[in-house]
């Protein structure tokens, strides 16, 4: 270090030291804003989280437009936008983040897999199922190579692919992927877990659309039991499954059972208002 500085004048050294101090100040400001934003998001205060992350993004950009801190901040901002159902801004943030982190960490990195998954999931939420498939397929391939075919992240991507096919009414592909997703989740966490219940609820809808009424009926019942235990008896998730099951029960001529389900749905939704 002494040899390195020997040829520098004191004013130049002073400027260099000041530059490091400024960089440290920017880094600290950026970290502080990101932490506050994550705390706000954890408290469901998404409006404040968004404001803080926009400010954090401006701080991160002082390190350069392609700095990984910019990419990670954009990814967090995208997640907050998605939580607010601002799907357009969310997808834009994720796309910008993907370009930066792909360059910084490589196309085969876990960060790139995660952002591909975030883009795909946002597009599913936005009803853009065809566009979602390419990103979800990419994330699934990466997760499988990096984490293995039985990882929960792989399962999430497979479920996303199943949901995309369900949205496109490609029932056979939807069933295949949702069953695979459910099998991975059951193997990891057993039957009584939210993620397995989510997969079974979606799979029941697919069975119903395929005309597999007996399988749909039993799968709806299983999903209802899981969602009651994991989300709660007054949850929107349980209400959604009960309502979907009621439509099947009506098709089967089981009007009383359908009415019982709908009375529970209405009670849940009245309590949630």
C-alpha atoms as a PDB file:
ATOM      1  CA  UNK A   1       0.000   0.000   0.000  1.00  0.00           C
ATOM      2  CA  UNK A   2       2.889   2.404   0.848  1.00  0.00           C
ATOM      3  CA  UNK A   3       4.588   1.652  -2.469  1.00  0.00           C
ATOM      4  CA  UNK A   4       1.301   2.158  -4.274  1.00  0.00           C
ATOM      5  CA  UNK A   5       0.787   5.622  -2.749  1.00  0.00           C
ATOM      6  CA  UNK A   6       4.454   6.783  -2.876  1.00  0.00           C
ATOM      7  CA  UNK A   7       4.055   8.627  -6.170  1.00  0.00           C
ATOM      8  CA  UNK A   8       0.788  10.366  -5.230  1.00  0.00           C
ATOM      9  CA  UNK A   9       0.612  13.890  -3.872  1.00  0.00           C
ATOM     10  CA  UNK A  10      -1.335  14.611  -0.686  1.00  0.00           C
ATOM     11  CA  UNK A  11      -4.173  16.413  -2.535  1.00  0.00           C
ATOM     12  CA  UNK A  12      -4.654  13.396  -4.806  1.00  0.00           C
ATOM     13  CA  UNK A  13      -4.640  11.065  -1.795  1.00  0.00           C
ATOM     14  CA  UNK A  14      -7.191  13.296  -0.106  1.00  0.00           C
ATOM     15  CA  UNK A  15      -9.443  13.149  -3.167  1.00  0.00           C
ATOM     16  CA  UNK A  16      -9.125   9.363  -3.356  1.00  0.00           C
ATOM     17  CA  UNK A  17     -10.013   8.994   0.321  1.00  0.00           C
ATOM     18  CA  UNK A  18     -12.982  11.322  -0.120  1.00  0.00           C
ATOM     19  CA  UNK A  19     -14.136   9.194  -3.051  1.00  0.00           C
ATOM     20  CA  UNK A  20     -14.059   6.061  -0.921  1.00  0.00           C
ATOM     21  CA  UNK A  21     -16.000   7.814   1.821  1.00  0.00           C
ATOM     22  CA  UNK A  22     -18.659   8.917  -0.681  1.00  0.00           C
ATOM     23  CA  UNK A  23     -18.871   5.360  -2.017  1.00  0.00           C
ATOM     24  CA  UNK A  24     -19.287   4.025   1.513  1.00  0.00           C
ATOM     25  CA  UNK A  25     -21.981   6.618   2.243  1.00  0.00           C
ATOM     26  CA  UNK A  26     -23.891   5.668  -0.917  1.00  0.00           C
ATOM     27  CA  UNK A  27     -23.568   1.975  -0.063  1.00  0.00           C
ATOM     28  CA  UNK A  28     -24.864   2.561   3.454  1.00  0.00           C
ATOM     29  CA  UNK A  29     -27.746   4.706   2.201  1.00  0.00           C
ATOM     30  CA  UNK A  30     -28.697   2.069  -0.353  1.00  0.00           C
ATOM     31  CA  UNK A  31     -28.576  -0.770   2.189  1.00  0.00           C
ATOM     32  CA  UNK A  32     -30.580   1.214   4.703  1.00  0.00           C
ATOM     33  CA  UNK A  33     -33.331   2.012   2.193  1.00  0.00           C
ATOM     34  CA  UNK A  34     -33.511  -1.599   1.007  1.00  0.00           C
ATOM     35  CA  UNK A  35     -33.781  -2.902   4.582  1.00  0.00           C
ATOM     36  CA  UNK A  36     -36.514  -0.399   5.402  1.00  0.00           C
ATOM     37  CA  UNK A  37     -38.344  -1.366   2.217  1.00  0.00           C
ATOM     38  CA  UNK A  38     -38.142  -5.076   3.048  1.00  0.00           C
ATOM     39  CA  UNK A  39     -39.487  -4.363   6.537  1.00  0.00           C
ATOM     40  CA  UNK A  40     -42.369  -2.334   5.071  1.00  0.00           C
ATOM     41  CA  UNK A  41     -43.165  -5.086   2.552  1.00  0.00           C
ATOM     42  CA  UNK A  42     -43.106  -7.652   5.370  1.00  0.00           C
ATOM     43  CA  UNK A  43     -45.735  -5.512   7.120  1.00  0.00           C
ATOM     44  CA  UNK A  44     -47.799  -5.355   3.897  1.00  0.00           C
ATOM     45  CA  UNK A  45     -47.118  -1.639   3.561  1.00  0.00           C
ATOM     46  CA  UNK A  46     -46.368  -1.952  -0.129  1.00  0.00           C
ATOM     47  CA  UNK A  47     -46.824   1.721  -0.949  1.00  0.00           C
ATOM     48  CA  UNK A  48     -44.021   2.679   1.443  1.00  0.00           C
ATOM     49  CA  UNK A  49     -41.887  -0.236   0.263  1.00  0.00           C
ATOM     50  CA  UNK A  50     -42.278   0.983  -3.310  1.00  0.00           C
ATOM     51  CA  UNK A  51     -41.254   4.542  -2.396  1.00  0.00           C
ATOM     52  CA  UNK A  52     -38.182   3.338  -0.529  1.00  0.00           C
ATOM     53  CA  UNK A  53     -37.087   0.992  -3.307  1.00  0.00           C
ATOM     54  CA  UNK A  54     -37.418   3.719  -5.937  1.00  0.00           C
ATOM     55  CA  UNK A  55     -35.101   5.855  -3.802  1.00  0.00           C
ATOM     56  CA  UNK A  56     -32.772   2.893  -3.256  1.00  0.00           C
ATOM     57  CA  UNK A  57     -32.661   2.348  -7.001  1.00  0.00           C
ATOM     58  CA  UNK A  58     -31.466   5.926  -7.535  1.00  0.00           C
ATOM     59  CA  UNK A  59     -28.725   5.354  -4.966  1.00  0.00           C
ATOM     60  CA  UNK A  60     -27.690   2.052  -6.561  1.00  0.00           C
ATOM     61  CA  UNK A  61     -27.499   3.663 -10.006  1.00  0.00           C
ATOM     62  CA  UNK A  62     -24.723   5.913  -8.688  1.00  0.00           C
ATOM     63  CA  UNK A  63     -22.502   2.810  -8.891  1.00  0.00           C
ATOM     64  CA  UNK A  64     -23.325   2.493 -12.602  1.00  0.00           C
ATOM     65  CA  UNK A  65     -26.383   1.343 -14.586  1.00  0.00           C
ATOM     66  CA  UNK A  66     -25.134  -2.258 -14.809  1.00  0.00           C
ATOM     67  CA  UNK A  67     -24.097  -2.674 -11.176  1.00  0.00           C
ATOM     68  CA  UNK A  68     -25.544  -5.828  -9.549  1.00  0.00           C
ATOM     69  CA  UNK A  69     -27.010  -3.645  -6.794  1.00  0.00           C
ATOM     70  CA  UNK A  70     -29.193  -2.049  -9.445  1.00  0.00           C
ATOM     71  CA  UNK A  71     -30.296  -5.489 -10.603  1.00  0.00           C
ATOM     72  CA  UNK A  72     -31.139  -6.741  -7.112  1.00  0.00           C
ATOM     73  CA  UNK A  73     -33.037  -3.537  -6.282  1.00  0.00           C
ATOM     74  CA  UNK A  74     -35.048  -3.805  -9.480  1.00  0.00           C
ATOM     75  CA  UNK A  75     -35.935  -7.392  -8.603  1.00  0.00           C
ATOM     76  CA  UNK A  76     -37.170  -6.341  -5.143  1.00  0.00           C
ATOM     77  CA  UNK A  77     -39.118  -3.468  -6.690  1.00  0.00           C
ATOM     78  CA  UNK A  78     -40.710  -5.879  -9.141  1.00  0.00           C
ATOM     79  CA  UNK A  79     -41.867  -8.108  -6.293  1.00  0.00           C
ATOM     80  CA  UNK A  80     -43.452  -5.117  -4.550  1.00  0.00           C
ATOM     81  CA  UNK A  81     -45.183  -4.029  -7.754  1.00  0.00           C
ATOM     82  CA  UNK A  82     -46.495  -7.566  -8.206  1.00  0.00           C
ATOM     83  CA  UNK A  83     -47.863  -7.596  -4.643  1.00  0.00           C
ATOM     84  CA  UNK A  84     -49.815  -4.453  -5.578  1.00  0.00           C
ATOM     85  CA  UNK A  85     -51.001  -6.110  -8.805  1.00  0.00           C
ATOM     86  CA  UNK A  86     -49.087  -3.556 -10.872  1.00  0.00           C
ATOM     87  CA  UNK A  87     -48.163  -6.233 -13.363  1.00  0.00           C
ATOM     88  CA  UNK A  88     -46.827  -4.001 -16.138  1.00  0.00           C
ATOM     89  CA  UNK A  89     -44.309  -2.144 -13.951  1.00  0.00           C
ATOM     90  CA  UNK A  90     -43.417  -5.438 -12.240  1.00  0.00           C
ATOM     91  CA  UNK A  91     -42.574  -7.152 -15.529  1.00  0.00           C
ATOM     92  CA  UNK A  92     -40.548  -4.132 -16.667  1.00  0.00           C
ATOM     93  CA  UNK A  93     -38.536  -4.110 -13.425  1.00  0.00           C
ATOM     94  CA  UNK A  94     -37.859  -7.842 -13.657  1.00  0.00           C
ATOM     95  CA  UNK A  95     -36.798  -7.584 -17.300  1.00  0.00           C
ATOM     96  CA  UNK A  96     -34.305  -4.820 -16.463  1.00  0.00           C
ATOM     97  CA  UNK A  97     -33.037  -6.834 -13.520  1.00  0.00           C
ATOM     98  CA  UNK A  98     -32.621  -9.948 -15.668  1.00  0.00           C
ATOM     99  CA  UNK A  99     -30.429  -8.163 -18.207  1.00  0.00           C
ATOM    100  CA  UNK A 100     -28.142  -6.801 -15.474  1.00  0.00           C
ATOM    101  CA  UNK A 101     -27.808  -9.941 -13.368  1.00  0.00           C
ATOM    102  CA  UNK A 102     -27.426 -12.222 -16.372  1.00  0.00           C
ATOM    103  CA  UNK A 103     -24.419 -10.143 -17.396  1.00  0.00           C
ATOM    104  CA  UNK A 104     -23.078  -9.953 -13.843  1.00  0.00           C
ATOM    105  CA  UNK A 105     -23.534 -13.580 -12.746  1.00  0.00           C
ATOM    106  CA  UNK A 106     -23.956 -15.547 -15.960  1.00  0.00           C
ATOM    107  CA  UNK A 107     -26.923 -17.068 -17.773  1.00  0.00           C
ATOM    108  CA  UNK A 108     -26.772 -20.268 -15.681  1.00  0.00           C
ATOM    109  CA  UNK A 109     -26.930 -18.635 -12.234  1.00  0.00           C
ATOM    110  CA  UNK A 110     -29.557 -19.090  -9.544  1.00  0.00           C
ATOM    111  CA  UNK A 111     -30.274 -15.339  -9.641  1.00  0.00           C
ATOM    112  CA  UNK A 112     -31.180 -15.615 -13.320  1.00  0.00           C
ATOM    113  CA  UNK A 113     -33.397 -18.628 -12.576  1.00  0.00           C
ATOM    114  CA  UNK A 114     -35.201 -16.683  -9.854  1.00  0.00           C
ATOM    115  CA  UNK A 115     -35.863 -13.667 -12.050  1.00  0.00           C
ATOM    116  CA  UNK A 116     -37.093 -15.805 -14.945  1.00  0.00           C
ATOM    117  CA  UNK A 117     -39.500 -17.358 -12.458  1.00  0.00           C
ATOM    118  CA  UNK A 118     -40.601 -13.929 -11.218  1.00  0.00           C
ATOM    119  CA  UNK A 119     -41.286 -12.748 -14.780  1.00  0.00           C
ATOM    120  CA  UNK A 120     -43.216 -15.899 -15.624  1.00  0.00           C
ATOM    121  CA  UNK A 121     -45.294 -15.775 -12.445  1.00  0.00           C
ATOM    122  CA  UNK A 122     -46.158 -12.125 -13.021  1.00  0.00           C
ATOM    123  CA  UNK A 123     -47.284 -12.887 -16.561  1.00  0.00           C
ATOM    124  CA  UNK A 124     -49.484 -15.716 -15.243  1.00  0.00           C
ATOM    125  CA  UNK A 125     -51.049 -13.306 -12.732  1.00  0.00           C
ATOM    126  CA  UNK A 126     -51.647 -10.909 -15.626  1.00  0.00           C
ATOM    127  CA  UNK A 127     -53.320 -13.609 -17.710  1.00  0.00           C
ATOM    128  CA  UNK A 128     -50.511 -13.682 -20.312  1.00  0.00           C
ATOM    129  CA  UNK A 129     -50.113 -17.436 -20.203  1.00  0.00           C
ATOM    130  CA  UNK A 130     -48.407 -17.961 -23.549  1.00  0.00           C
ATOM    131  CA  UNK A 131     -45.714 -15.393 -22.766  1.00  0.00           C
ATOM    132  CA  UNK A 132     -45.244 -16.824 -19.288  1.00  0.00           C
ATOM    133  CA  UNK A 133     -44.326 -20.298 -20.485  1.00  0.00           C
ATOM    134  CA  UNK A 134     -40.906 -19.442 -21.932  1.00  0.00           C
ATOM    135  CA  UNK A 135     -39.743 -17.805 -18.692  1.00  0.00           C
ATOM    136  CA  UNK A 136     -41.143 -20.536 -16.464  1.00  0.00           C
ATOM    137  CA  UNK A 137     -39.595 -23.236 -18.650  1.00  0.00           C
ATOM    138  CA  UNK A 138     -36.230 -21.453 -18.459  1.00  0.00           C
ATOM    139  CA  UNK A 139     -36.464 -21.185 -14.671  1.00  0.00           C
ATOM    140  CA  UNK A 140     -37.457 -24.849 -14.355  1.00  0.00           C
ATOM    141  CA  UNK A 141     -34.506 -25.962 -16.489  1.00  0.00           C
ATOM    142  CA  UNK A 142     -32.094 -23.865 -14.425  1.00  0.00           C
ATOM    143  CA  UNK A 143     -33.537 -24.958 -11.084  1.00  0.00           C
ATOM    144  CA  UNK A 144     -33.307 -28.593 -12.151  1.00  0.00           C
ATOM    145  CA  UNK A 145     -29.658 -28.243 -13.143  1.00  0.00           C
ATOM    146  CA  UNK A 146     -28.643 -26.172 -10.118  1.00  0.00           C
ATOM    147  CA  UNK A 147     -30.867 -27.536  -7.319  1.00  0.00           C
ATOM    148  CA  UNK A 148     -32.166 -30.828  -8.643  1.00  0.00           C
ATOM    149  CA  UNK A 149     -35.484 -32.082  -9.960  1.00  0.00           C
ATOM    150  CA  UNK A 150     -36.999 -32.510  -6.485  1.00  0.00           C
ATOM    151  CA  UNK A 151     -36.318 -29.023  -5.135  1.00  0.00           C
ATOM    152  CA  UNK A 152     -39.211 -26.807  -4.063  1.00  0.00           C
ATOM    153  CA  UNK A 153     -38.086 -24.102  -6.478  1.00  0.00           C
ATOM    154  CA  UNK A 154     -38.293 -26.631  -9.297  1.00  0.00           C
ATOM    155  CA  UNK A 155     -41.776 -27.550  -8.075  1.00  0.00           C
ATOM    156  CA  UNK A 156     -42.839 -23.893  -8.095  1.00  0.00           C
ATOM    157  CA  UNK A 157     -41.730 -23.495 -11.707  1.00  0.00           C
ATOM    158  CA  UNK A 158     -43.481 -26.739 -12.710  1.00  0.00           C
ATOM    159  CA  UNK A 159     -46.663 -25.545 -11.005  1.00  0.00           C
ATOM    160  CA  UNK A 160     -46.365 -22.253 -12.873  1.00  0.00           C
ATOM    161  CA  UNK A 161     -46.103 -24.143 -16.146  1.00  0.00           C
ATOM    162  CA  UNK A 162     -49.186 -26.137 -15.159  1.00  0.00           C
ATOM    163  CA  UNK A 163     -51.099 -22.948 -14.338  1.00  0.00           C
ATOM    164  CA  UNK A 164     -50.094 -21.468 -17.702  1.00  0.00           C
ATOM    165  CA  UNK A 165     -51.418 -24.512 -19.537  1.00  0.00           C
ATOM    166  CA  UNK A 166     -54.588 -24.353 -17.433  1.00  0.00           C
ATOM    167  CA  UNK A 167     -55.050 -20.733 -18.524  1.00  0.00           C
ATOM    168  CA  UNK A 168     -54.531 -21.813 -22.144  1.00  0.00           C
ATOM    169  CA  UNK A 169     -57.037 -24.676 -21.636  1.00  0.00           C
ATOM    170  CA  UNK A 170     -54.374 -27.231 -22.527  1.00  0.00           C
ATOM    171  CA  UNK A 171     -55.795 -29.602 -19.929  1.00  0.00           C
ATOM    172  CA  UNK A 172     -53.513 -32.576 -20.552  1.00  0.00           C
ATOM    173  CA  UNK A 173     -50.329 -30.541 -20.125  1.00  0.00           C
ATOM    174  CA  UNK A 174     -51.841 -28.763 -17.131  1.00  0.00           C
ATOM    175  CA  UNK A 175     -52.661 -32.071 -15.428  1.00  0.00           C
ATOM    176  CA  UNK A 176     -49.204 -33.538 -16.088  1.00  0.00           C
ATOM    177  CA  UNK A 177     -47.336 -30.553 -14.665  1.00  0.00           C
ATOM    178  CA  UNK A 178     -49.630 -29.939 -11.694  1.00  0.00           C
ATOM    179  CA  UNK A 179     -49.407 -33.616 -10.698  1.00  0.00           C
ATOM    180  CA  UNK A 180     -45.619 -33.496 -10.867  1.00  0.00           C
ATOM    181  CA  UNK A 181     -45.567 -30.297  -8.811  1.00  0.00           C
ATOM    182  CA  UNK A 182     -47.879 -31.839  -6.202  1.00  0.00           C
ATOM    183  CA  UNK A 183     -45.728 -34.970  -5.958  1.00  0.00           C
ATOM    184  CA  UNK A 184     -42.571 -32.949  -5.281  1.00  0.00           C
ATOM    185  CA  UNK A 185     -44.312 -30.822  -2.667  1.00  0.00           C
ATOM    186  CA  UNK A 186     -45.854 -33.822  -0.933  1.00  0.00           C
ATOM    187  CA  UNK A 187     -42.496 -35.612  -0.850  1.00  0.00           C
ATOM    188  CA  UNK A 188     -40.868 -32.555   0.737  1.00  0.00           C
ATOM    189  CA  UNK A 189     -43.469 -31.357   3.229  1.00  0.00           C
ATOM    190  CA  UNK A 190     -46.209 -33.961   3.460  1.00  0.00           C
ATOM    191  CA  UNK A 191     -49.866 -33.425   2.686  1.00  0.00           C
ATOM    192  CA  UNK A 192     -50.663 -30.682   5.177  1.00  0.00           C
ATOM    193  CA  UNK A 193     -48.826 -27.745   3.646  1.00  0.00           C
ATOM    194  CA  UNK A 194     -50.079 -24.702   1.771  1.00  0.00           C
ATOM    195  CA  UNK A 195     -48.121 -25.306  -1.417  1.00  0.00           C
ATOM    196  CA  UNK A 196     -49.354 -28.885  -1.804  1.00  0.00           C
ATOM    197  CA  UNK A 197     -52.916 -27.705  -1.146  1.00  0.00           C
ATOM    198  CA  UNK A 198     -52.564 -25.010  -3.815  1.00  0.00           C
ATOM    199  CA  UNK A 199     -51.435 -27.579  -6.375  1.00  0.00           C
ATOM    200  CA  UNK A 200     -54.301 -29.926  -5.506  1.00  0.00           C
ATOM    201  CA  UNK A 201     -56.867 -27.133  -5.754  1.00  0.00           C
ATOM    202  CA  UNK A 202     -55.661 -26.269  -9.259  1.00  0.00           C
ATOM    203  CA  UNK A 203     -55.493 -29.943 -10.221  1.00  0.00           C
ATOM    204  CA  UNK A 204     -59.119 -30.434  -9.117  1.00  0.00           C
ATOM    205  CA  UNK A 205     -60.198 -27.677 -11.530  1.00  0.00           C
ATOM    206  CA  UNK A 206     -58.302 -29.398 -14.349  1.00  0.00           C
ATOM    207  CA  UNK A 207     -59.904 -32.778 -13.559  1.00  0.00           C
ATOM    208  CA  UNK A 208     -63.310 -31.096 -13.659  1.00  0.00           C
ATOM    209  CA  UNK A 209     -62.581 -29.564 -17.057  1.00  0.00           C
ATOM    210  CA  UNK A 210     -61.399 -32.935 -18.352  1.00  0.00           C
ATOM    211  CA  UNK A 211     -64.663 -34.556 -17.263  1.00  0.00           C
ATOM    212  CA  UNK A 212     -62.945 -36.655 -14.580  1.00  0.00           C
ATOM    213  CA  UNK A 213     -65.672 -35.940 -12.061  1.00  0.00           C
ATOM    214  CA  UNK A 214     -64.810 -38.551  -9.422  1.00  0.00           C
ATOM    215  CA  UNK A 215     -61.164 -37.482  -9.329  1.00  0.00           C
ATOM    216  CA  UNK A 216     -62.175 -33.828  -9.252  1.00  0.00           C
ATOM    217  CA  UNK A 217     -64.588 -34.398  -6.351  1.00  0.00           C
ATOM    218  CA  UNK A 218     -62.059 -36.234  -4.179  1.00  0.00           C
ATOM    219  CA  UNK A 219     -59.285 -33.753  -5.029  1.00  0.00           C
ATOM    220  CA  UNK A 220     -61.480 -30.781  -4.150  1.00  0.00           C
ATOM    221  CA  UNK A 221     -62.269 -32.399  -0.784  1.00  0.00           C
ATOM    222  CA  UNK A 222     -58.589 -32.968  -0.090  1.00  0.00           C
ATOM    223  CA  UNK A 223     -57.716 -29.391  -1.086  1.00  0.00           C
ATOM    224  CA  UNK A 224     -60.502 -28.016   1.137  1.00  0.00           C
ATOM    225  CA  UNK A 225     -59.222 -29.933   4.145  1.00  0.00           C
ATOM    226  CA  UNK A 226     -55.653 -28.773   3.579  1.00  0.00           C
ATOM    227  CA  UNK A 227     -56.608 -25.144   2.994  1.00  0.00           C
ATOM    228  CA  UNK A 228     -58.818 -25.057   6.100  1.00  0.00           C
ATOM    229  CA  UNK A 229     -55.882 -26.299   8.215  1.00  0.00           C
ATOM    230  CA  UNK A 230     -53.158 -24.203   6.611  1.00  0.00           C
ATOM    231  CA  UNK A 231     -54.867 -20.949   5.577  1.00  0.00           C
ATOM    232  CA  UNK A 232     -57.719 -20.994   8.093  1.00  0.00           C
ATOM    233  CA  UNK A 233     -61.462 -21.544   8.021  1.00  0.00           C
ATOM    234  CA  UNK A 234     -62.113 -17.892   7.142  1.00  0.00           C
ATOM    235  CA  UNK A 235     -59.531 -17.689   4.358  1.00  0.00           C
ATOM    236  CA  UNK A 236     -60.138 -16.526   0.810  1.00  0.00           C
ATOM    237  CA  UNK A 237     -58.223 -19.566  -0.433  1.00  0.00           C
ATOM    238  CA  UNK A 238     -60.666 -21.956   1.207  1.00  0.00           C
ATOM    239  CA  UNK A 239     -63.614 -19.961  -0.135  1.00  0.00           C
ATOM    240  CA  UNK A 240     -62.238 -20.162  -3.677  1.00  0.00           C
ATOM    241  CA  UNK A 241     -61.897 -23.951  -3.516  1.00  0.00           C
ATOM    242  CA  UNK A 242     -65.333 -24.398  -1.942  1.00  0.00           C
ATOM    243  CA  UNK A 243     -66.893 -22.284  -4.706  1.00  0.00           C
ATOM    244  CA  UNK A 244     -65.133 -24.209  -7.469  1.00  0.00           C
ATOM    245  CA  UNK A 245     -66.222 -27.481  -5.858  1.00  0.00           C
ATOM    246  CA  UNK A 246     -69.817 -26.201  -5.687  1.00  0.00           C
ATOM    247  CA  UNK A 247     -69.832 -25.784  -9.470  1.00  0.00           C
ATOM    248  CA  UNK A 248     -68.844 -29.452  -9.851  1.00  0.00           C
ATOM    249  CA  UNK A 249     -71.464 -30.575  -7.332  1.00  0.00           C
ATOM    250  CA  UNK A 250     -74.134 -28.764  -9.335  1.00  0.00           C
ATOM    251  CA  UNK A 251     -72.984 -30.537 -12.488  1.00  0.00           C
ATOM    252  CA  UNK A 252     -73.337 -33.836 -10.650  1.00  0.00           C
ATOM    253  CA  UNK A 253     -76.879 -32.958  -9.525  1.00  0.00           C
ATOM    254  CA  UNK A 254     -75.849 -32.734  -5.865  1.00  0.00           C
ATOM    255  CA  UNK A 255     -77.679 -29.485  -5.240  1.00  0.00           C
ATOM    256  CA  UNK A 256     -77.789 -29.720  -1.442  1.00  0.00           C
ATOM    257  CA  UNK A 257     -74.047 -30.287  -1.230  1.00  0.00           C
ATOM    258  CA  UNK A 258     -73.480 -27.364  -3.589  1.00  0.00           C
ATOM    259  CA  UNK A 259     -75.718 -25.112  -1.492  1.00  0.00           C
ATOM    260  CA  UNK A 260     -73.869 -26.113   1.679  1.00  0.00           C
ATOM    261  CA  UNK A 261     -70.562 -25.164   0.080  1.00  0.00           C
ATOM    262  CA  UNK A 262     -71.899 -21.834  -1.138  1.00  0.00           C
ATOM    263  CA  UNK A 263     -73.334 -20.980   2.279  1.00  0.00           C
ATOM    264  CA  UNK A 264     -69.820 -21.427   3.703  1.00  0.00           C
ATOM    265  CA  UNK A 265     -68.372 -19.313   0.884  1.00  0.00           C
ATOM    266  CA  UNK A 266     -70.850 -16.510   1.566  1.00  0.00           C
ATOM    267  CA  UNK A 267     -70.167 -16.654   5.315  1.00  0.00           C
ATOM    268  CA  UNK A 268     -66.421 -16.380   4.738  1.00  0.00           C
ATOM    269  CA  UNK A 269     -66.767 -13.461   2.347  1.00  0.00           C
ATOM    270  CA  UNK A 270     -69.155 -11.596   4.662  1.00  0.00           C
ATOM    271  CA  UNK A 271     -66.645 -11.940   7.499  1.00  0.00           C
ATOM    272  CA  UNK A 272     -63.791 -10.728   5.279  1.00  0.00           C
ATOM    273  CA  UNK A 273     -65.514  -7.488   4.222  1.00  0.00           C
END
